[in-house]
Amino acid sequence: MGFSRKGAGLVAVTALAASTLTLVPPASGAATTTQSSSAAGASAVTNYGFFGQAFGSRVRGGDLQANSGRTALAFIGCTRQTGRTDTNSLVTANLGIATANGIDSRTRTYRRGGSVNVKSTNEIADVTFTNGAGPLDDVVLTGIRSVARAWHDANGFHSSGRTSVAGVTLGGVTQTPVNGVIDIPGVLTITLADKQASRSRDGASMTVRAAVVDLALSNTKVTLGVASARIQDGFVTGVLGGVGIAARGSVLRDVVRTGEVARQPLPCRGTNGNWRTNKTLGVTLQNVLHLGAATGSARGDQIDRRHGYAQTRGRVARATFGSDNGLVIKGVVGAANVTKDGSRLVKTAKGTHILSITFNGRDRRSPTFGNPVRIGNLAVLSAPRVKRSKFGISVIALRVELLRGTNTIVDLGLARASIKPR
């Protein structure tokens, strides 16, 4: 499989469509994913948020509209805790247009001296881009390594990153970069040591990519050896979370899915109490559902160690169902609220409501728990669904199940919110 100048685009399309991961059984030391809270030293809860990830490769198709996911991904997201580690390994990853061997990824949070840190590392033994014309035209990258670190100490926030590629060969002949770029005309271009860093009073971040390979003709991009680390201040209350979604549904028992309309997540640090919104003017599904203005919104604040809140909303101004739009539902709001008050978490669905329901011009009552409402032979409406967990709450304001053989289920006004300690 390869990228020979003749027919490179077609080869890449076929390869990406059949992209697979080749794993050796664990007894042979192959793909493993482990998590440990003790491997990175003593565990402690801090006032900082840590984020880290490392992975071997990612393919984006460009003109081909094809891609592969992040191979051997190690990930830690939105935690206040030091002493966490995530690792992942692959003996071989078949990317279709290339083969990567010996991928190892690691992300960890730890305390060292007077600093708290998050560090991500990725290593790849070798990556071979195979040309269909024969092995003498293979492009091989060896000894790929990436490291990203972000930390806080007495002097504030910092970040650092480094990458290395031991060698690049074409048909066994070493290629020398010019200003960090290796260009093989008509075949590919390799950009080495891409780095992005930021630093402020509130945090620092670092992302490094050991190599970015742009394939000629097919406009396919392969990113190799990625490591990211980020630390943020202001996590005094906990880790906030949640999302507001206007609508979500499925048709023909999940054969056709509508996805999520107007989705707005809540950042884990919060929004300093300001609402963030995602609006959609209108959505039509399979000629059986039309949504008017739809909004997902979220806000949260970390006030101090004992006080903070997370709130999300999913709103639909108007929804009509049926080929003649006979069922009209207005003013649907799903609301999820979590407030930290000392050692207590107060979780409510306050704000959840339905303004009105009409069918063929006549008012219908709203469903209550245990008392659904049947709308002729068109639909069954179910009451708000509220589920509480240890740290949060989730709400669905209204579920509409359409009858007449469509097997369509639509949830309106979804909201989920939480405050976790770490």
Protein backbone atom coordinates (compact mmCIF):
# COMPACT_ATOMS: atom_id res chain seq x y z
CA MET A 1 0.00 0.00 0.00
CA GLY A 2 1.50 3.38 -0.73
CA PHE A 3 1.67 6.75 -2.28
CA SER A 4 3.32 6.22 -5.65
CA ARG A 5 3.03 9.30 -7.82
CA LYS A 6 0.67 7.42 -10.14
CA GLY A 7 -2.72 6.88 -8.51
CA ALA A 8 -1.66 8.10 -5.09
CA GLY A 9 -5.09 9.44 -4.26
CA LEU A 10 -6.91 6.17 -5.03
CA VAL A 11 -4.44 4.14 -3.01
CA ALA A 12 -4.88 6.38 0.02
CA VAL A 13 -8.68 6.23 -0.15
CA THR A 14 -8.70 2.45 -0.15
CA ALA A 15 -6.15 2.26 2.64
CA LEU A 16 -7.88 4.63 5.01
CA ALA A 17 -11.25 2.99 4.54
CA ALA A 18 -9.75 -0.29 5.73
CA SER A 19 -7.58 1.17 8.49
CA THR A 20 -7.00 -1.33 11.31
CA LEU A 21 -4.91 -1.81 14.44
CA THR A 22 -2.76 -4.91 14.63
CA LEU A 23 -2.26 -6.14 18.18
CA VAL A 24 -0.19 -8.94 19.65
CA PRO A 25 -1.72 -10.86 22.61
CA PRO A 26 -0.78 -9.40 26.01
CA ALA A 27 1.53 -12.33 26.71
CA SER A 28 3.76 -11.02 23.93
CA GLY A 29 3.88 -7.55 25.46
CA ALA A 30 1.52 -5.85 23.05
CA ALA A 31 -1.29 -3.36 23.37
CA THR A 32 -2.02 -2.56 26.98
CA THR A 33 -3.84 0.28 28.69
CA THR A 34 -3.38 0.83 32.40
CA GLN A 35 -4.31 3.44 34.94
CA SER A 36 -2.74 3.84 38.34
CA SER A 37 -3.05 6.44 41.06
CA SER A 38 0.11 5.32 42.84
CA ALA A 39 2.54 5.06 39.94
CA ALA A 40 3.12 8.85 39.83
CA GLY A 41 3.75 9.31 43.56
CA ALA A 42 1.47 10.26 46.42
CA SER A 43 -2.05 11.29 45.48
CA ALA A 44 -3.25 14.74 46.53
CA VAL A 45 -6.08 17.09 45.58
CA THR A 46 -4.90 20.54 44.47
CA ASN A 47 -6.50 23.82 43.41
CA TYR A 48 -5.25 23.33 39.84
CA GLY A 49 -6.80 21.62 36.86
CA PHE A 50 -4.59 19.16 34.95
CA PHE A 51 -5.08 18.03 31.34
CA GLY A 52 -2.78 15.76 29.37
CA GLN A 53 -2.76 13.49 26.35
CA ALA A 54 -0.24 11.64 24.21
CA PHE A 55 -0.75 9.51 21.11
CA GLY A 56 1.22 8.03 18.26
CA SER A 57 -0.57 9.08 15.10
CA ARG A 58 -3.63 10.64 13.54
CA VAL A 59 -4.63 10.70 9.86
CA ARG A 60 -6.76 13.40 8.24
CA GLY A 61 -7.92 12.85 4.69
CA GLY A 62 -8.13 16.36 3.27
CA ASP A 63 -9.57 15.96 -0.23
CA LEU A 64 -10.21 12.29 0.56
CA GLN A 65 -12.45 13.03 3.55
CA ALA A 66 -10.96 10.03 5.32
CA ASN A 67 -9.30 9.77 8.72
CA SER A 68 -8.11 7.51 11.48
CA GLY A 69 -8.30 8.09 15.21
CA ARG A 70 -5.56 8.72 17.74
CA THR A 71 -3.48 5.57 18.09
CA ALA A 72 -2.28 4.41 21.53
CA LEU A 73 -3.99 7.34 23.24
CA ALA A 74 -3.08 8.06 26.87
CA PHE A 75 -5.38 10.67 28.37
CA ILE A 76 -6.03 12.50 31.63
CA GLY A 77 -8.71 15.16 31.44
CA CYS A 78 -9.94 17.72 33.92
CA THR A 79 -8.63 16.47 37.25
CA ARG A 80 -7.34 18.27 40.34
CA GLN A 81 -5.49 15.20 41.53
CA THR A 82 -1.77 14.50 41.45
CA GLY A 83 -0.55 10.90 41.44
CA ARG A 84 -2.59 9.87 38.37
CA THR A 85 -1.16 7.99 35.39
CA ASP A 86 -2.57 6.71 32.10
CA THR A 87 -0.54 4.60 29.68
CA ASN A 88 -1.22 2.95 26.34
CA SER A 89 0.89 0.86 23.96
CA LEU A 90 0.60 -0.70 20.52
CA VAL A 91 3.05 -3.09 18.91
CA THR A 92 1.79 -2.23 15.40
CA ALA A 93 -0.71 0.27 14.04
CA ASN A 94 -1.72 -0.18 10.40
CA LEU A 95 -2.73 3.28 9.21
CA GLY A 96 -3.41 2.11 5.66
CA ILE A 97 -1.01 4.58 4.07
CA ALA A 98 1.66 3.82 6.67
CA THR A 99 2.62 1.33 9.37
CA ALA A 100 3.80 2.43 12.81
CA ASN A 101 5.66 0.08 15.16
CA GLY A 102 6.38 0.24 18.86
CA ILE A 103 4.06 3.04 20.03
CA ASP A 104 4.16 3.93 23.73
CA SER A 105 2.20 6.77 25.34
CA ARG A 106 2.13 8.02 28.91
CA THR A 107 0.44 10.91 30.72
CA ARG A 108 0.80 11.58 34.43
CA THR A 109 0.22 14.18 37.13
CA TYR A 110 2.65 14.46 40.01
CA ARG A 111 4.11 16.63 42.77
CA ARG A 112 7.86 17.21 42.89
CA GLY A 113 9.40 19.43 45.52
CA GLY A 114 7.39 22.63 45.53
CA SER A 115 5.83 22.09 42.10
CA VAL A 116 2.75 20.33 40.75
CA ASN A 117 3.07 18.94 37.23
CA VAL A 118 1.38 17.27 34.29
CA LYS A 119 3.61 15.53 31.76
CA SER A 120 2.84 13.63 28.54
CA THR A 121 5.26 11.47 26.56
CA ASN A 122 4.97 9.54 23.28
CA GLU A 123 7.55 7.30 21.63
CA ILE A 124 7.40 5.49 18.26
CA ALA A 125 10.06 3.05 17.17
CA ASP A 126 9.47 3.57 13.45
CA VAL A 127 6.89 4.58 10.83
CA THR A 128 7.06 3.34 7.23
CA PHE A 129 5.25 4.97 4.31
CA THR A 130 5.28 2.19 1.72
CA ASN A 131 5.41 3.06 -1.96
CA GLY A 132 3.78 0.53 -4.26
CA ALA A 133 6.75 0.80 -6.65
CA GLY A 134 8.93 -1.24 -4.27
CA PRO A 135 10.83 -1.17 -0.96
CA LEU A 136 13.60 1.04 -2.35
CA ASP A 137 11.08 3.89 -2.41
CA ASP A 138 9.90 3.43 1.18
CA VAL A 139 10.06 6.52 3.42
CA VAL A 140 10.95 5.53 6.98
CA LEU A 141 11.03 7.67 10.12
CA THR A 142 12.77 6.17 13.17
CA GLY A 143 13.22 7.02 16.83
CA ILE A 144 10.28 9.43 17.21
CA ARG A 145 9.85 10.98 20.65
CA SER A 146 7.72 13.82 22.05
CA VAL A 147 7.52 15.26 25.57
CA ALA A 148 5.26 18.05 26.88
CA ARG A 149 5.16 19.33 30.46
CA ALA A 150 3.24 22.07 32.26
CA TRP A 151 3.65 22.97 35.93
CA HIS A 152 3.24 25.50 38.72
CA ASP A 153 5.79 26.42 41.38
CA ALA A 154 6.66 29.38 43.58
CA ASN A 155 7.49 31.44 40.48
CA GLY A 156 4.19 30.84 38.71
CA PHE A 157 3.14 28.78 35.69
CA HIS A 158 5.53 27.24 33.17
CA SER A 159 5.62 24.84 30.24
CA SER A 160 8.25 23.06 28.20
CA GLY A 161 8.33 20.68 25.25
CA ARG A 162 10.77 18.80 23.10
CA THR A 163 10.67 16.41 20.15
CA SER A 164 13.19 14.32 18.28
CA VAL A 165 13.31 12.10 15.20
CA ALA A 166 16.42 9.95 15.01
CA GLY A 167 16.34 9.62 11.25
CA VAL A 168 14.41 9.85 7.99
CA THR A 169 15.33 7.71 4.99
CA LEU A 170 14.10 7.32 1.41
CA GLY A 171 14.96 3.93 -0.03
CA GLY A 172 17.58 3.56 2.72
CA VAL A 173 19.22 6.91 1.95
CA THR A 174 19.28 9.44 4.82
CA GLN A 175 17.31 12.62 4.21
CA THR A 176 18.55 15.88 5.73
CA PRO A 177 16.02 18.51 6.83
CA VAL A 178 16.33 22.10 5.66
CA ASN A 179 14.94 24.55 8.21
CA GLY A 180 13.08 21.68 9.84
CA VAL A 181 11.48 20.45 6.60
CA ILE A 182 12.18 17.42 4.44
CA ASP A 183 10.64 17.72 0.98
CA ILE A 184 10.45 14.74 -1.38
CA PRO A 185 8.91 16.32 -4.50
CA GLY A 186 5.76 14.68 -5.75
CA VAL A 187 5.68 12.29 -2.79
CA LEU A 188 5.49 13.98 0.60
CA THR A 189 6.69 16.81 2.82
CA ILE A 190 7.74 16.24 6.43
CA THR A 191 7.67 19.13 8.90
CA LEU A 192 9.61 18.38 12.08
CA ALA A 193 9.22 19.72 15.62
CA ASP A 194 5.94 21.62 15.61
CA LYS A 195 5.37 23.34 18.97
CA GLN A 196 2.56 25.46 20.47
CA ALA A 197 2.88 27.01 23.93
CA SER A 198 0.98 29.50 26.07
CA ARG A 199 1.47 31.05 29.50
CA SER A 200 -0.55 33.46 31.63
CA ARG A 201 -1.24 34.32 35.26
CA ASP A 202 -3.92 31.60 35.25
CA GLY A 203 -2.12 28.72 33.60
CA ALA A 204 0.25 27.31 31.01
CA SER A 205 0.09 24.77 28.21
CA MET A 206 2.33 22.98 25.74
CA THR A 207 1.56 20.87 22.67
CA VAL A 208 4.28 19.28 20.54
CA ARG A 209 4.18 17.20 17.37
CA ALA A 210 7.30 15.34 16.37
CA ALA A 211 6.44 15.23 12.66
CA VAL A 212 3.61 16.28 10.35
CA VAL A 213 3.62 14.41 7.03
CA ASP A 214 1.72 15.92 4.08
CA LEU A 215 1.21 13.44 1.24
CA ALA A 216 1.26 14.86 -2.27
CA LEU A 217 -1.71 14.46 -4.62
CA SER A 218 -4.06 12.97 -2.03
CA ASN A 219 -3.73 15.98 0.32
CA THR A 220 -3.65 13.57 3.25
CA LYS A 221 -1.99 14.68 6.49
CA VAL A 222 -0.44 12.30 9.03
CA THR A 223 0.55 13.68 12.43
CA LEU A 224 3.12 11.65 14.37
CA GLY A 225 4.21 11.79 18.01
CA VAL A 226 1.79 14.16 19.75
CA ALA A 227 2.07 15.20 23.40
CA SER A 228 0.03 17.85 25.21
CA ALA A 229 0.03 19.17 28.78
CA ARG A 230 -2.00 21.96 30.37
CA ILE A 231 -2.43 23.30 33.90
CA GLN A 232 -4.97 25.92 35.05
CA ASP A 233 -5.60 27.82 38.24
CA GLY A 234 -8.97 28.43 39.85
CA PHE A 235 -10.19 24.92 40.71
CA VAL A 236 -10.95 25.76 44.33
CA THR A 237 -14.47 24.31 44.44
CA GLY A 238 -13.98 21.12 42.44
CA VAL A 239 -14.29 19.90 38.87
CA LEU A 240 -17.43 21.27 37.23
CA GLY A 241 -19.13 19.39 34.42
CA GLY A 242 -22.28 19.08 32.40
CA VAL A 243 -23.99 19.95 29.15
CA GLY A 244 -27.20 21.57 27.92
CA ILE A 245 -28.82 20.06 24.81
CA ALA A 246 -31.99 21.28 23.14
CA ALA A 247 -32.99 17.96 21.54
CA ARG A 248 -31.75 14.46 20.84
CA GLY A 249 -33.46 11.60 19.08
CA SER A 250 -33.41 8.50 16.94
CA VAL A 251 -35.46 7.08 14.09
CA LEU A 252 -36.19 3.43 13.31
CA ARG A 253 -34.76 2.20 16.61
CA ASP A 254 -31.39 3.93 16.24
CA VAL A 255 -30.92 3.09 12.56
CA VAL A 256 -31.06 6.82 11.80
CA ARG A 257 -29.89 9.19 14.52
CA THR A 258 -30.54 12.91 14.67
CA GLY A 259 -27.56 13.59 16.88
CA GLU A 260 -27.72 16.36 19.44
CA VAL A 261 -29.20 19.74 18.58
CA ALA A 262 -27.68 22.91 20.10
CA ARG A 263 -25.20 21.19 22.43
CA GLN A 264 -23.38 23.43 24.93
CA PRO A 265 -20.88 21.84 27.34
CA LEU A 266 -19.83 23.35 30.66
CA PRO A 267 -16.05 23.81 30.98
CA CYS A 268 -14.68 22.04 34.03
CA ARG A 269 -13.26 25.26 35.43
CA GLY A 270 -16.58 27.03 34.97
CA THR A 271 -17.43 30.28 33.18
CA ASN A 272 -17.06 32.84 36.00
CA GLY A 273 -20.84 32.79 36.25
CA ASN A 274 -21.47 33.85 32.65
CA TRP A 275 -23.88 31.90 30.45
CA ARG A 276 -22.43 30.27 27.34
CA THR A 277 -24.94 29.37 24.66
CA ASN A 278 -25.21 27.41 21.43
CA LYS A 279 -28.21 28.32 19.27
CA THR A 280 -29.86 26.65 16.28
CA LEU A 281 -32.59 28.42 14.33
CA GLY A 282 -34.42 25.34 13.03
CA VAL A 283 -34.08 21.61 12.34
CA THR A 284 -36.32 19.29 10.31
CA LEU A 285 -36.16 15.50 10.66
CA GLN A 286 -37.65 13.03 8.21
CA ASN A 287 -40.74 15.23 7.66
CA VAL A 288 -42.05 14.17 11.07
CA LEU A 289 -40.40 16.74 13.33
CA HIS A 290 -39.60 20.41 13.02
CA LEU A 291 -37.78 22.30 15.76
CA GLY A 292 -37.91 26.06 15.91
CA ALA A 293 -35.32 28.07 17.86
CA ALA A 294 -33.26 25.68 20.00
CA THR A 295 -30.65 26.59 22.61
CA GLY A 296 -28.18 24.78 24.82
CA SER A 297 -26.61 26.83 27.61
CA ALA A 298 -24.28 26.37 30.57
CA ARG A 299 -22.63 28.37 33.31
CA GLY A 300 -20.70 27.73 36.50
CA ASP A 301 -18.47 29.42 39.04
CA GLN A 302 -15.85 28.33 41.55
CA ILE A 303 -16.38 30.82 44.36
CA ASP A 304 -14.24 29.28 47.09
CA ARG A 305 -13.49 25.90 48.62
CA ARG A 306 -16.96 25.58 50.12
CA HIS A 307 -19.08 27.32 47.52
CA GLY A 308 -19.70 27.05 43.80
CA TYR A 309 -22.30 26.02 41.27
CA ALA A 310 -22.91 24.35 37.90
CA GLN A 311 -26.03 25.01 35.82
CA THR A 312 -27.11 23.85 32.37
CA ARG A 313 -30.21 24.32 30.24
CA GLY A 314 -31.69 22.75 27.12
CA ARG A 315 -34.43 24.85 25.50
CA VAL A 316 -36.81 24.39 22.56
CA ALA A 317 -39.08 27.33 21.75
CA ARG A 318 -41.42 25.34 19.51
CA ALA A 319 -41.56 21.77 18.21
CA THR A 320 -44.14 20.36 15.79
CA PHE A 321 -44.76 16.70 15.04
CA GLY A 322 -46.65 14.86 12.30
CA SER A 323 -46.88 15.37 8.56
CA ASP A 324 -49.52 18.06 9.13
CA ASN A 325 -47.71 19.55 12.18
CA GLY A 326 -50.77 18.70 14.26
CA LEU A 327 -48.89 18.26 17.54
CA VAL A 328 -47.38 21.54 18.75
CA ILE A 329 -45.23 21.77 21.89
CA LYS A 330 -43.98 25.15 23.10
CA GLY A 331 -41.55 26.42 25.70
CA VAL A 332 -39.72 23.24 26.69
CA VAL A 333 -36.87 23.78 29.18
CA GLY A 334 -34.75 21.14 30.87
CA ALA A 335 -32.71 22.51 33.79
CA ALA A 336 -29.96 20.92 35.87
CA ASN A 337 -28.53 22.71 38.91
CA VAL A 338 -25.81 21.64 41.33
CA THR A 339 -24.73 23.95 44.14
CA LYS A 340 -21.93 23.33 46.61
CA ASP A 341 -22.79 24.66 50.06
CA GLY A 342 -20.12 23.71 52.55
CA SER A 343 -19.87 19.93 52.52
CA ARG A 344 -23.28 19.52 50.82
CA LEU A 345 -24.17 19.26 47.16
CA VAL A 346 -27.69 20.46 46.41
CA LYS A 347 -29.01 18.97 43.14
CA THR A 348 -32.27 20.21 41.63
CA ALA A 349 -34.20 20.36 38.36
CA LYS A 350 -35.62 23.79 39.21
CA GLY A 351 -36.49 25.65 36.03
CA THR A 352 -37.65 22.57 34.12
CA HIS A 353 -41.05 23.18 32.53
CA ILE A 354 -43.29 22.90 29.46
CA LEU A 355 -45.26 25.98 28.45
CA SER A 356 -48.01 24.33 26.38
CA ILE A 357 -49.06 21.27 24.37
CA THR A 358 -51.76 21.41 21.68
CA PHE A 359 -53.06 18.81 19.23
CA ASN A 360 -55.12 19.91 16.26
CA GLY A 361 -55.64 23.24 17.99
CA ARG A 362 -56.83 21.84 21.35
CA ASP A 363 -54.91 22.12 24.61
CA ARG A 364 -53.55 18.92 26.14
CA ARG A 365 -52.23 18.41 29.64
CA SER A 366 -48.53 17.90 30.34
CA PRO A 367 -47.51 14.37 31.36
CA THR A 368 -46.64 13.64 34.98
CA PHE A 369 -44.65 10.83 36.57
CA GLY A 370 -46.44 7.55 35.90
CA ASN A 371 -49.07 9.28 33.77
CA PRO A 372 -47.97 9.60 30.15
CA VAL A 373 -50.17 11.40 27.65
CA ARG A 374 -51.26 9.67 24.45
CA ILE A 375 -51.87 11.99 21.51
CA GLY A 376 -54.28 10.04 19.31
CA ASN A 377 -52.41 7.58 17.12
CA LEU A 378 -49.51 10.01 16.68
CA ALA A 379 -47.40 9.98 19.85
CA VAL A 380 -46.99 9.21 23.53
CA LEU A 381 -45.54 11.95 25.76
CA SER A 382 -43.62 10.97 28.91
CA ALA A 383 -43.00 13.02 32.04
CA PRO A 384 -39.71 14.71 32.91
CA ARG A 385 -36.95 12.22 33.74
CA VAL A 386 -34.68 13.25 36.60
CA LYS A 387 -31.73 11.16 37.76
CA ARG A 388 -29.47 12.09 40.65
CA SER A 389 -26.01 10.66 41.24
CA LYS A 390 -23.44 11.20 43.97
CA PHE A 391 -22.05 14.36 42.38
CA GLY A 392 -24.67 15.47 39.86
CA ILE A 393 -28.06 15.42 38.21
CA SER A 394 -29.42 14.78 34.70
CA VAL A 395 -32.78 15.92 33.32
CA ILE A 396 -34.92 15.21 30.25
CA ALA A 397 -37.86 17.65 30.19
CA LEU A 398 -40.01 15.71 27.71
CA ARG A 399 -39.81 12.45 25.76
CA VAL A 400 -41.91 12.12 22.61
CA GLU A 401 -42.39 8.65 21.14
CA LEU A 402 -44.01 8.81 17.72
CA LEU A 403 -46.31 5.97 16.73
CA ARG A 404 -47.62 4.85 13.33
CA GLY A 405 -44.65 2.56 12.70
CA THR A 406 -41.95 5.26 12.66
CA ASN A 407 -40.31 4.12 15.92
CA THR A 408 -39.08 7.67 16.44
CA ILE A 409 -38.07 8.83 19.92
CA VAL A 410 -37.21 12.47 20.53
CA ASP A 411 -36.02 13.92 23.84
CA LEU A 412 -36.55 17.64 24.33
CA GLY A 413 -34.82 19.84 26.93
CA LEU A 414 -31.81 17.83 28.15
CA ALA A 415 -29.50 19.05 30.88
CA ARG A 416 -26.75 17.50 32.96
CA ALA A 417 -24.62 19.13 35.70
CA SER A 418 -22.11 17.98 38.29
CA ILE A 419 -19.43 19.10 40.76
CA LYS A 420 -16.82 16.43 41.45
CA PRO A 421 -14.14 16.73 44.13
CA ARG A 422 -11.26 15.72 41.84
